[in-house]
PDB file of N, CA and C in Angstrom:
ATOM      1  N   MET A   1       8.378   1.808 -11.351  1.00  0.00           N
ATOM      2  CA  MET A   1       9.220   0.610 -10.893  1.00  0.00           C
ATOM      3  C   MET A   1       8.653  -0.556 -11.767  1.00  0.00           C
ATOM      4  N   ASP A   2       9.528  -1.276 -12.062  1.00  0.00           N
ATOM      5  CA  ASP A   2       9.221  -2.267 -13.103  1.00  0.00           C
ATOM      6  C   ASP A   2       8.758  -3.799 -12.437  1.00  0.00           C
ATOM      7  N   ASN A   3       9.049  -3.712 -11.203  1.00  0.00           N
ATOM      8  CA  ASN A   3       8.805  -5.033 -10.356  1.00  0.00           C
ATOM      9  C   ASN A   3       7.462  -5.104  -9.857  1.00  0.00           C
ATOM     10  N   GLN A   4       6.739  -6.233 -10.120  1.00  0.00           N
ATOM     11  CA  GLN A   4       5.327  -6.347  -9.700  1.00  0.00           C
ATOM     12  C   GLN A   4       5.257  -6.996  -8.289  1.00  0.00           C
ATOM     13  N   LEU A   5       4.043  -6.505  -7.828  1.00  0.00           N
ATOM     14  CA  LEU A   5       3.657  -6.758  -6.419  1.00  0.00           C
ATOM     15  C   LEU A   5       3.083  -8.384  -6.853  1.00  0.00           C
ATOM     16  N   GLN A   6       3.472  -9.217  -6.072  1.00  0.00           N
ATOM     17  CA  GLN A   6       3.244 -10.476  -6.122  1.00  0.00           C
ATOM     18  C   GLN A   6       2.344 -11.085  -4.908  1.00  0.00           C
ATOM     19  N   LYS A   7       2.384 -10.516  -3.810  1.00  0.00           N
ATOM     20  CA  LYS A   7       1.622 -10.955  -2.667  1.00  0.00           C
ATOM     21  C   LYS A   7       1.712  -9.742  -1.660  1.00  0.00           C
ATOM     22  N   ALA A   8       0.321  -9.690  -1.151  1.00  0.00           N
ATOM     23  CA  ALA A   8       0.244  -8.601  -0.285  1.00  0.00           C
ATOM     24  C   ALA A   8      -0.849  -9.518   0.817  1.00  0.00           C
ATOM     25  N   GLU A   9      -0.373  -9.297   2.040  1.00  0.00           N
ATOM     26  CA  GLU A   9      -1.113 -10.140   3.005  1.00  0.00           C
ATOM     27  C   GLU A   9      -1.259  -9.077   4.420  1.00  0.00           C
ATOM     28  N   PRO A  10      -2.791  -9.063   4.784  1.00  0.00           N
ATOM     29  CA  PRO A  10      -2.834  -8.253   5.894  1.00  0.00           C
ATOM     30  C   PRO A  10      -2.530  -9.060   7.247  1.00  0.00           C
ATOM     31  N   LEU A  11      -1.717  -8.546   8.111  1.00  0.00           N
ATOM     32  CA  LEU A  11      -1.301  -9.084   9.385  1.00  0.00           C
ATOM     33  C   LEU A  11      -1.819  -8.556  10.463  1.00  0.00           C
ATOM     34  N   GLY A  12      -2.865  -7.692  10.474  1.00  0.00           N
ATOM     35  CA  GLY A  12      -3.553  -7.280  11.563  1.00  0.00           C
ATOM     36  C   GLY A  12      -3.309  -5.611  11.634  1.00  0.00           C
ATOM     37  N   GLY A  13      -4.379  -4.998  12.090  1.00  0.00           N
ATOM     38  CA  GLY A  13      -4.356  -3.551  12.258  1.00  0.00           C
ATOM     39  C   GLY A  13      -4.449  -3.232  10.721  1.00  0.00           C
ATOM     40  N   ALA A  14      -3.611  -2.355  10.780  1.00  0.00           N
ATOM     41  CA  ALA A  14      -3.407  -1.569   9.322  1.00  0.00           C
ATOM     42  C   ALA A  14      -2.273  -2.327   8.648  1.00  0.00           C
ATOM     43  N   THR A  15      -1.490  -3.135   8.876  1.00  0.00           N
ATOM     44  CA  THR A  15      -0.271  -3.638   8.546  1.00  0.00           C
ATOM     45  C   THR A  15      -0.397  -4.843   7.491  1.00  0.00           C
ATOM     46  N   ILE A  16       0.486  -4.463   6.426  1.00  0.00           N
ATOM     47  CA  ILE A  16       0.359  -5.491   5.276  1.00  0.00           C
ATOM     48  C   ILE A  16       1.862  -6.116   5.058  1.00  0.00           C
ATOM     49  N   SER A  17       1.888  -7.296   4.810  1.00  0.00           N
ATOM     50  CA  SER A  17       3.088  -8.075   4.141  1.00  0.00           C
ATOM     51  C   SER A  17       3.210  -7.834   2.563  1.00  0.00           C
ATOM     52  N   LEU A  18       4.155  -7.277   2.335  1.00  0.00           N
ATOM     53  CA  LEU A  18       4.505  -7.034   0.640  1.00  0.00           C
ATOM     54  C   LEU A  18       5.640  -8.113   0.273  1.00  0.00           C
ATOM     55  N   VAL A  19       5.236  -8.568  -1.125  1.00  0.00           N
ATOM     56  CA  VAL A  19       6.242  -9.249  -1.565  1.00  0.00           C
ATOM     57  C   VAL A  19       6.302  -9.030  -3.136  1.00  0.00           C
ATOM     58  N   TYR A  20       7.336  -8.423  -3.709  1.00  0.00           N
ATOM     59  CA  TYR A  20       7.479  -8.021  -5.110  1.00  0.00           C
ATOM     60  C   TYR A  20       8.435  -9.264  -5.906  1.00  0.00           C
ATOM     61  N   SER A  21       8.236  -8.991  -7.179  1.00  0.00           N
ATOM     62  CA  SER A  21       8.841 -10.023  -8.032  1.00  0.00           C
ATOM     63  C   SER A  21      10.237 -10.127  -8.020  1.00  0.00           C
ATOM     64  N   ASP A  22      10.969  -8.992  -7.694  1.00  0.00           N
ATOM     65  CA  ASP A  22      12.472  -8.909  -7.499  1.00  0.00           C
ATOM     66  C   ASP A  22      12.935  -9.513  -6.343  1.00  0.00           C
ATOM     67  N   GLY A  23      11.906 -10.113  -5.312  1.00  0.00           N
ATOM     68  CA  GLY A  23      12.287 -10.418  -4.168  1.00  0.00           C
ATOM     69  C   GLY A  23      12.307  -9.631  -2.960  1.00  0.00           C
ATOM     70  N   PHE A  24      12.045  -8.422  -3.174  1.00  0.00           N
ATOM     71  CA  PHE A  24      12.081  -7.300  -2.204  1.00  0.00           C
ATOM     72  C   PHE A  24      10.884  -7.580  -1.336  1.00  0.00           C
ATOM     73  N   SER A  25      11.057  -7.748  -0.077  1.00  0.00           N
ATOM     74  CA  SER A  25       9.663  -7.881   0.771  1.00  0.00           C
ATOM     75  C   SER A  25       9.735  -7.053   2.030  1.00  0.00           C
ATOM     76  N   ALA A  26       8.614  -6.618   2.659  1.00  0.00           N
ATOM     77  CA  ALA A  26       8.487  -5.697   3.587  1.00  0.00           C
ATOM     78  C   ALA A  26       7.255  -5.794   4.439  1.00  0.00           C
ATOM     79  N   VAL A  27       7.216  -5.376   5.515  1.00  0.00           N
ATOM     80  CA  VAL A  27       6.037  -5.345   6.311  1.00  0.00           C
ATOM     81  C   VAL A  27       5.716  -3.799   6.469  1.00  0.00           C
ATOM     82  N   LEU A  28       4.627  -3.256   6.027  1.00  0.00           N
ATOM     83  CA  LEU A  28       4.290  -1.819   6.392  1.00  0.00           C
ATOM     84  C   LEU A  28       3.110  -1.602   6.993  1.00  0.00           C
ATOM     85  N   ASP A  29       2.999  -0.553   7.785  1.00  0.00           N
ATOM     86  CA  ASP A  29       1.906  -0.250   8.586  1.00  0.00           C
ATOM     87  C   ASP A  29       1.253   1.049   7.747  1.00  0.00           C
ATOM     88  N   ILE A  30       0.133   0.915   7.226  1.00  0.00           N
ATOM     89  CA  ILE A  30      -0.372   1.905   6.251  1.00  0.00           C
ATOM     90  C   ILE A  30      -1.447   2.896   6.920  1.00  0.00           C
ATOM     91  N   SER A  31      -1.462   2.716   8.068  1.00  0.00           N
ATOM     92  CA  SER A  31      -2.514   3.574   8.931  1.00  0.00           C
ATOM     93  C   SER A  31      -2.421   5.085   8.613  1.00  0.00           C
ATOM     94  N   PRO A  32      -1.214   5.570   8.483  1.00  0.00           N
ATOM     95  CA  PRO A  32      -1.185   6.939   8.174  1.00  0.00           C
ATOM     96  C   PRO A  32      -1.903   7.226   6.856  1.00  0.00           C
ATOM     97  N   ALA A  33      -1.977   6.488   5.983  1.00  0.00           N
ATOM     98  CA  ALA A  33      -2.482   6.757   4.671  1.00  0.00           C
ATOM     99  C   ALA A  33      -4.237   6.757   4.565  1.00  0.00           C
ATOM    100  N   MET A  34      -4.601   6.021   5.792  1.00  0.00           N
ATOM    101  CA  MET A  34      -6.170   5.759   5.838  1.00  0.00           C
ATOM    102  C   MET A  34      -6.782   6.740   6.339  1.00  0.00           C
ATOM    103  N   CYS A  35      -6.932   7.897   5.261  1.00  0.00           N
ATOM    104  CA  CYS A  35      -7.774   9.109   5.933  1.00  0.00           C
ATOM    105  C   CYS A  35      -8.612   9.489   4.519  1.00  0.00           C
ATOM    106  N   GLY A  36      -9.836  10.079   4.834  1.00  0.00           N
ATOM    107  CA  GLY A  36     -10.759  10.417   3.753  1.00  0.00           C
ATOM    108  C   GLY A  36     -11.739   9.275   3.907  1.00  0.00           C
ATOM    109  N   PRO A  37     -12.881   9.611   2.957  1.00  0.00           N
ATOM    110  CA  PRO A  37     -13.936   8.763   3.029  1.00  0.00           C
ATOM    111  C   PRO A  37     -13.653   7.478   2.464  1.00  0.00           C
ATOM    112  N   ILE A  38     -12.877   7.455   1.267  1.00  0.00           N
ATOM    113  CA  ILE A  38     -12.744   6.098   0.829  1.00  0.00           C
ATOM    114  C   ILE A  38     -11.963   5.137   1.589  1.00  0.00           C
ATOM    115  N   PHE A  39     -11.062   5.691   2.389  1.00  0.00           N
ATOM    116  CA  PHE A  39     -10.088   4.664   3.347  1.00  0.00           C
ATOM    117  C   PHE A  39     -10.758   4.653   4.773  1.00  0.00           C
ATOM    118  N   GLU A  40     -11.788   5.290   5.139  1.00  0.00           N
ATOM    119  CA  GLU A  40     -12.396   5.309   6.319  1.00  0.00           C
ATOM    120  C   GLU A  40     -12.631   3.842   6.843  1.00  0.00           C
ATOM    121  N   PRO A  41     -13.518   3.010   5.842  1.00  0.00           N
ATOM    122  CA  PRO A  41     -13.827   1.663   6.044  1.00  0.00           C
ATOM    123  C   PRO A  41     -12.521   0.599   6.359  1.00  0.00           C
ATOM    124  N   LEU A  42     -11.650   1.032   5.977  1.00  0.00           N
ATOM    125  CA  LEU A  42     -10.345   0.225   6.080  1.00  0.00           C
ATOM    126  C   LEU A  42      -9.850   0.078   7.431  1.00  0.00           C
ATOM    127  N   ARG A  43     -10.439   1.117   8.431  1.00  0.00           N
ATOM    128  CA  ARG A  43     -10.113   1.103   9.852  1.00  0.00           C
ATOM    129  C   ARG A  43     -10.803  -0.173  10.431  1.00  0.00           C
ATOM    130  N   ASP A  44     -11.743  -0.754   9.846  1.00  0.00           N
ATOM    131  CA  ASP A  44     -12.508  -1.976  10.384  1.00  0.00           C
ATOM    132  C   ASP A  44     -11.406  -3.095  10.045  1.00  0.00           C
ATOM    133  N   PRO A  45     -11.040  -3.790  11.014  1.00  0.00           N
ATOM    134  CA  PRO A  45     -10.038  -5.002  10.791  1.00  0.00           C
ATOM    135  C   PRO A  45     -10.607  -6.023   9.667  1.00  0.00           C
ATOM    136  N   GLU A  46     -11.750  -6.285  10.101  1.00  0.00           N
ATOM    137  CA  GLU A  46     -12.306  -7.367   8.937  1.00  0.00           C
ATOM    138  C   GLU A  46     -12.440  -6.767   7.569  1.00  0.00           C
ATOM    139  N   PHE A  47     -12.739  -5.593   7.448  1.00  0.00           N
ATOM    140  CA  PHE A  47     -13.031  -5.024   5.958  1.00  0.00           C
ATOM    141  C   PHE A  47     -11.492  -4.779   5.398  1.00  0.00           C
ATOM    142  N   PHE A  48     -10.450  -4.495   6.275  1.00  0.00           N
ATOM    143  CA  PHE A  48      -9.147  -4.264   5.947  1.00  0.00           C
ATOM    144  C   PHE A  48      -8.636  -5.595   5.521  1.00  0.00           C
ATOM    145  N   SER A  49      -9.016  -6.702   6.333  1.00  0.00           N
ATOM    146  CA  SER A  49      -8.490  -7.794   5.737  1.00  0.00           C
ATOM    147  C   SER A  49      -9.012  -8.612   4.474  1.00  0.00           C
ATOM    148  N   ARG A  50      -9.777  -7.644   3.672  1.00  0.00           N
ATOM    149  CA  ARG A  50     -10.572  -8.152   2.583  1.00  0.00           C
ATOM    150  C   ARG A  50      -9.817  -7.599   1.389  1.00  0.00           C
ATOM    151  N   LEU A  51      -8.531  -7.215   1.677  1.00  0.00           N
ATOM    152  CA  LEU A  51      -7.806  -6.654   0.401  1.00  0.00           C
ATOM    153  C   LEU A  51      -7.517  -7.926  -0.645  1.00  0.00           C
ATOM    154  N   GLU A  52      -7.346  -7.317  -1.722  1.00  0.00           N
ATOM    155  CA  GLU A  52      -6.858  -8.321  -2.837  1.00  0.00           C
ATOM    156  C   GLU A  52      -5.933  -7.535  -3.840  1.00  0.00           C
ATOM    157  N   ILE A  53      -5.167  -8.374  -4.486  1.00  0.00           N
ATOM    158  CA  ILE A  53      -4.244  -7.854  -5.523  1.00  0.00           C
ATOM    159  C   ILE A  53      -5.055  -7.914  -6.741  1.00  0.00           C
ATOM    160  N   ASP A  54      -5.125  -6.820  -7.530  1.00  0.00           N
ATOM    161  CA  ASP A  54      -5.751  -6.833  -8.698  1.00  0.00           C
ATOM    162  C   ASP A  54      -5.148  -5.593  -9.688  1.00  0.00           C
ATOM    163  N   SER A  55      -4.664  -6.461 -10.613  1.00  0.00           N
ATOM    164  CA  SER A  55      -3.667  -5.881 -11.816  1.00  0.00           C
ATOM    165  C   SER A  55      -2.611  -5.310 -11.150  1.00  0.00           C
ATOM    166  N   ASP A  56      -1.925  -5.911 -10.275  1.00  0.00           N
ATOM    167  CA  ASP A  56      -0.791  -5.444  -9.707  1.00  0.00           C
ATOM    168  C   ASP A  56      -1.024  -4.200  -8.482  1.00  0.00           C
ATOM    169  N   THR A  57      -2.254  -4.048  -8.180  1.00  0.00           N
ATOM    170  CA  THR A  57      -2.694  -3.046  -7.240  1.00  0.00           C
ATOM    171  C   THR A  57      -3.316  -3.751  -6.172  1.00  0.00           C
ATOM    172  N   ILE A  58      -3.062  -3.218  -4.839  1.00  0.00           N
ATOM    173  CA  ILE A  58      -4.120  -3.703  -3.797  1.00  0.00           C
ATOM    174  C   ILE A  58      -5.199  -2.941  -3.783  1.00  0.00           C
ATOM    175  N   ARG A  59      -6.496  -3.696  -3.699  1.00  0.00           N
ATOM    176  CA  ARG A  59      -7.660  -3.031  -3.592  1.00  0.00           C
ATOM    177  C   ARG A  59      -8.606  -3.602  -2.488  1.00  0.00           C
ATOM    178  N   TRP A  60      -9.591  -2.813  -2.089  1.00  0.00           N
ATOM    179  CA  TRP A  60     -10.567  -3.317  -1.227  1.00  0.00           C
ATOM    180  C   TRP A  60     -11.991  -3.148  -1.897  1.00  0.00           C
ATOM    181  N   PRO A  61     -13.037  -3.973  -1.366  1.00  0.00           N
ATOM    182  CA  PRO A  61     -14.161  -3.908  -2.065  1.00  0.00           C
ATOM    183  C   PRO A  61     -14.888  -2.461  -2.323  1.00  0.00           C
ATOM    184  N   ASN A  62     -14.621  -1.656  -1.700  1.00  0.00           N
ATOM    185  CA  ASN A  62     -15.284  -0.250  -1.788  1.00  0.00           C
ATOM    186  C   ASN A  62     -14.451   0.439  -2.682  1.00  0.00           C
ATOM    187  N   GLY A  63     -13.588  -0.129  -3.367  1.00  0.00           N
ATOM    188  CA  GLY A  63     -13.001   0.855  -4.424  1.00  0.00           C
ATOM    189  C   GLY A  63     -11.478   1.556  -3.973  1.00  0.00           C
ATOM    190  N   ALA A  64     -11.319   1.543  -2.703  1.00  0.00           N
ATOM    191  CA  ALA A  64      -9.814   1.939  -2.102  1.00  0.00           C
ATOM    192  C   ALA A  64      -8.861   1.104  -2.731  1.00  0.00           C
ATOM    193  N   ASP A  65      -7.687   1.746  -3.089  1.00  0.00           N
ATOM    194  CA  ASP A  65      -6.583   1.300  -3.706  1.00  0.00           C
ATOM    195  C   ASP A  65      -5.349   1.978  -3.395  1.00  0.00           C
ATOM    196  N   ILE A  66      -4.145   1.342  -3.396  1.00  0.00           N
ATOM    197  CA  ILE A  66      -3.038   1.950  -3.351  1.00  0.00           C
ATOM    198  C   ILE A  66      -2.040   1.299  -4.399  1.00  0.00           C
ATOM    199  N   ASP A  67      -1.404   2.327  -5.092  1.00  0.00           N
ATOM    200  CA  ASP A  67      -0.629   1.733  -6.140  1.00  0.00           C
ATOM    201  C   ASP A  67       0.761   1.053  -5.708  1.00  0.00           C
ATOM    202  N   PRO A  68       1.118   0.072  -6.275  1.00  0.00           N
ATOM    203  CA  PRO A  68       2.191  -0.702  -5.770  1.00  0.00           C
ATOM    204  C   PRO A  68       3.597  -0.144  -5.782  1.00  0.00           C
ATOM    205  N   SER A  69       3.765   0.988  -6.697  1.00  0.00           N
ATOM    206  CA  SER A  69       4.955   1.584  -6.738  1.00  0.00           C
ATOM    207  C   SER A  69       4.963   2.660  -5.395  1.00  0.00           C
ATOM    208  N   VAL A  70       3.844   3.107  -5.055  1.00  0.00           N
ATOM    209  CA  VAL A  70       3.663   3.982  -3.771  1.00  0.00           C
ATOM    210  C   VAL A  70       4.180   2.959  -2.559  1.00  0.00           C
ATOM    211  N   LEU A  71       3.515   1.823  -2.392  1.00  0.00           N
ATOM    212  CA  LEU A  71       3.600   1.143  -1.359  1.00  0.00           C
ATOM    213  C   LEU A  71       5.065   0.495  -1.198  1.00  0.00           C
ATOM    214  N   ARG A  72       5.721   0.319  -2.423  1.00  0.00           N
ATOM    215  CA  ARG A  72       7.179   0.154  -2.479  1.00  0.00           C
ATOM    216  C   ARG A  72       8.038   1.090  -1.809  1.00  0.00           C
ATOM    217  N   PHE A  73       7.666   2.406  -2.425  1.00  0.00           N
ATOM    218  CA  PHE A  73       8.485   3.632  -2.070  1.00  0.00           C
ATOM    219  C   PHE A  73       8.492   3.846  -0.499  1.00  0.00           C
ATOM    220  N   TRP A  74       7.065   3.655   0.105  1.00  0.00           N
ATOM    221  CA  TRP A  74       6.706   3.845   1.428  1.00  0.00           C
ATOM    222  C   TRP A  74       7.638   2.650   2.148  1.00  0.00           C
ATOM    223  N   ALA A  75       7.748   1.433   1.675  1.00  0.00           N
ATOM    224  CA  ALA A  75       8.162   0.270   2.222  1.00  0.00           C
ATOM    225  C   ALA A  75       9.731   0.487   2.402  1.00  0.00           C
ATOM    226  N   GLU A  76      10.308   0.922   1.479  1.00  0.00           N
ATOM    227  CA  GLU A  76      11.758   1.188   1.269  1.00  0.00           C
ATOM    228  C   GLU A  76      12.100   2.149   2.162  1.00  0.00           C
ATOM    229  N   ARG A  77      11.318   3.181   2.664  1.00  0.00           N
ATOM    230  CA  ARG A  77      11.754   4.206   3.643  1.00  0.00           C
ATOM    231  C   ARG A  77      11.292   3.980   5.159  1.00  0.00           C
ATOM    232  N   GLY A  78      10.549   2.560   5.146  1.00  0.00           N
ATOM    233  CA  GLY A  78      10.196   2.212   6.311  1.00  0.00           C
ATOM    234  C   GLY A  78       8.841   2.752   7.089  1.00  0.00           C
ATOM    235  N   LYS A  79       8.295   3.660   6.245  1.00  0.00           N
ATOM    236  CA  LYS A  79       6.926   4.240   6.840  1.00  0.00           C
ATOM    237  C   LYS A  79       6.147   5.035   5.614  1.00  0.00           C
ATOM    238  N   VAL A  80       4.866   5.359   5.892  1.00  0.00           N
ATOM    239  CA  VAL A  80       4.133   5.911   5.211  1.00  0.00           C
ATOM    240  C   VAL A  80       4.591   7.560   5.114  1.00  0.00           C
ATOM    241  N   LEU A  81       4.945   7.980   3.818  1.00  0.00           N
ATOM    242  CA  LEU A  81       4.958   9.470   3.883  1.00  0.00           C
ATOM    243  C   LEU A  81       4.185  10.348   3.396  1.00  0.00           C
ATOM    244  N   SER A  82       4.146  11.684   3.766  1.00  0.00           N
ATOM    245  CA  SER A  82       3.071  12.440   3.224  1.00  0.00           C
ATOM    246  C   SER A  82       2.734  12.464   1.870  1.00  0.00           C
ATOM    247  N   GLN A  83       1.719  12.988   1.321  1.00  0.00           N
ATOM    248  CA  GLN A  83       1.240  13.145  -0.060  1.00  0.00           C
ATOM    249  C   GLN A  83       2.389  13.905  -0.749  1.00  0.00           C
ATOM    250  N   GLY A  84       2.637  14.968  -0.064  1.00  0.00           N
ATOM    251  CA  GLY A  84       3.640  15.938  -0.608  1.00  0.00           C
ATOM    252  C   GLY A  84       5.009  15.239  -0.734  1.00  0.00           C
ATOM    253  N   GLU A  85       5.660  14.576   0.116  1.00  0.00           N
ATOM    254  CA  GLU A  85       6.692  13.978   0.057  1.00  0.00           C
ATOM    255  C   GLU A  85       6.818  12.953  -1.046  1.00  0.00           C
ATOM    256  N   THR A  86       5.611  12.070  -1.126  1.00  0.00           N
ATOM    257  CA  THR A  86       5.352  11.166  -2.308  1.00  0.00           C
ATOM    258  C   THR A  86       5.552  11.625  -3.478  1.00  0.00           C
ATOM    259  N   ASP A  87       4.495  12.740  -3.538  1.00  0.00           N
ATOM    260  CA  ASP A  87       4.595  13.319  -4.883  1.00  0.00           C
ATOM    261  C   ASP A  87       5.792  13.922  -5.571  1.00  0.00           C
ATOM    262  N   ALA A  88       6.542  14.607  -4.640  1.00  0.00           N
ATOM    263  CA  ALA A  88       7.886  15.083  -4.859  1.00  0.00           C
ATOM    264  C   ALA A  88       8.741  14.036  -5.510  1.00  0.00           C
ATOM    265  N   TRP A  89       8.883  12.737  -4.638  1.00  0.00           N
ATOM    266  CA  TRP A  89       9.829  11.721  -5.157  1.00  0.00           C
ATOM    267  C   TRP A  89       9.465  11.304  -6.483  1.00  0.00           C
ATOM    268  N   PHE A  90       8.301  10.920  -6.615  1.00  0.00           N
ATOM    269  CA  PHE A  90       7.644  10.568  -7.950  1.00  0.00           C
ATOM    270  C   PHE A  90       7.688  11.497  -9.269  1.00  0.00           C
ATOM    271  N   ALA A  91       7.759  12.724  -8.849  1.00  0.00           N
ATOM    272  CA  ALA A  91       7.893  13.912  -9.900  1.00  0.00           C
ATOM    273  C   ALA A  91       9.366  13.826 -10.388  1.00  0.00           C
ATOM    274  N   VAL A  92      10.318  13.575  -9.590  1.00  0.00           N
ATOM    275  CA  VAL A  92      11.631  13.497  -9.839  1.00  0.00           C
ATOM    276  C   VAL A  92      12.035  12.266 -10.612  1.00  0.00           C
ATOM    277  N   GLN A  93      11.192  11.119 -10.666  1.00  0.00           N
ATOM    278  CA  GLN A  93      11.546   9.920 -11.263  1.00  0.00           C
ATOM    279  C   GLN A  93      10.977   9.788 -12.665  1.00  0.00           C
ATOM    280  N   ASP A  94      10.161  10.842 -12.896  1.00  0.00           N
ATOM    281  CA  ASP A  94       9.543  10.791 -14.403  1.00  0.00           C
ATOM    282  C   ASP A  94      10.598  11.209 -15.462  1.00  0.00           C
TER     283      ASP A  94
END
């Protein structure tokens, strides 16, 4: 996707408000994606709130990050999809 992530704001829990350069905006609960050792610290609300946009990607101080295209894909569908569903969609986009 050519549209850049312009704003990402934590809203509480694991919910993020997203705004893209084309005007698309959404609120997304990313808690289903917070599994594995790198994402475990994000379950702490204080740590989660430390997200930043760095080179169009949201990142946390421990190195966890989520690609803005993936966030947009999930937001357009209204929820976090499985890794398999996400990979399959991006495979047909190439």
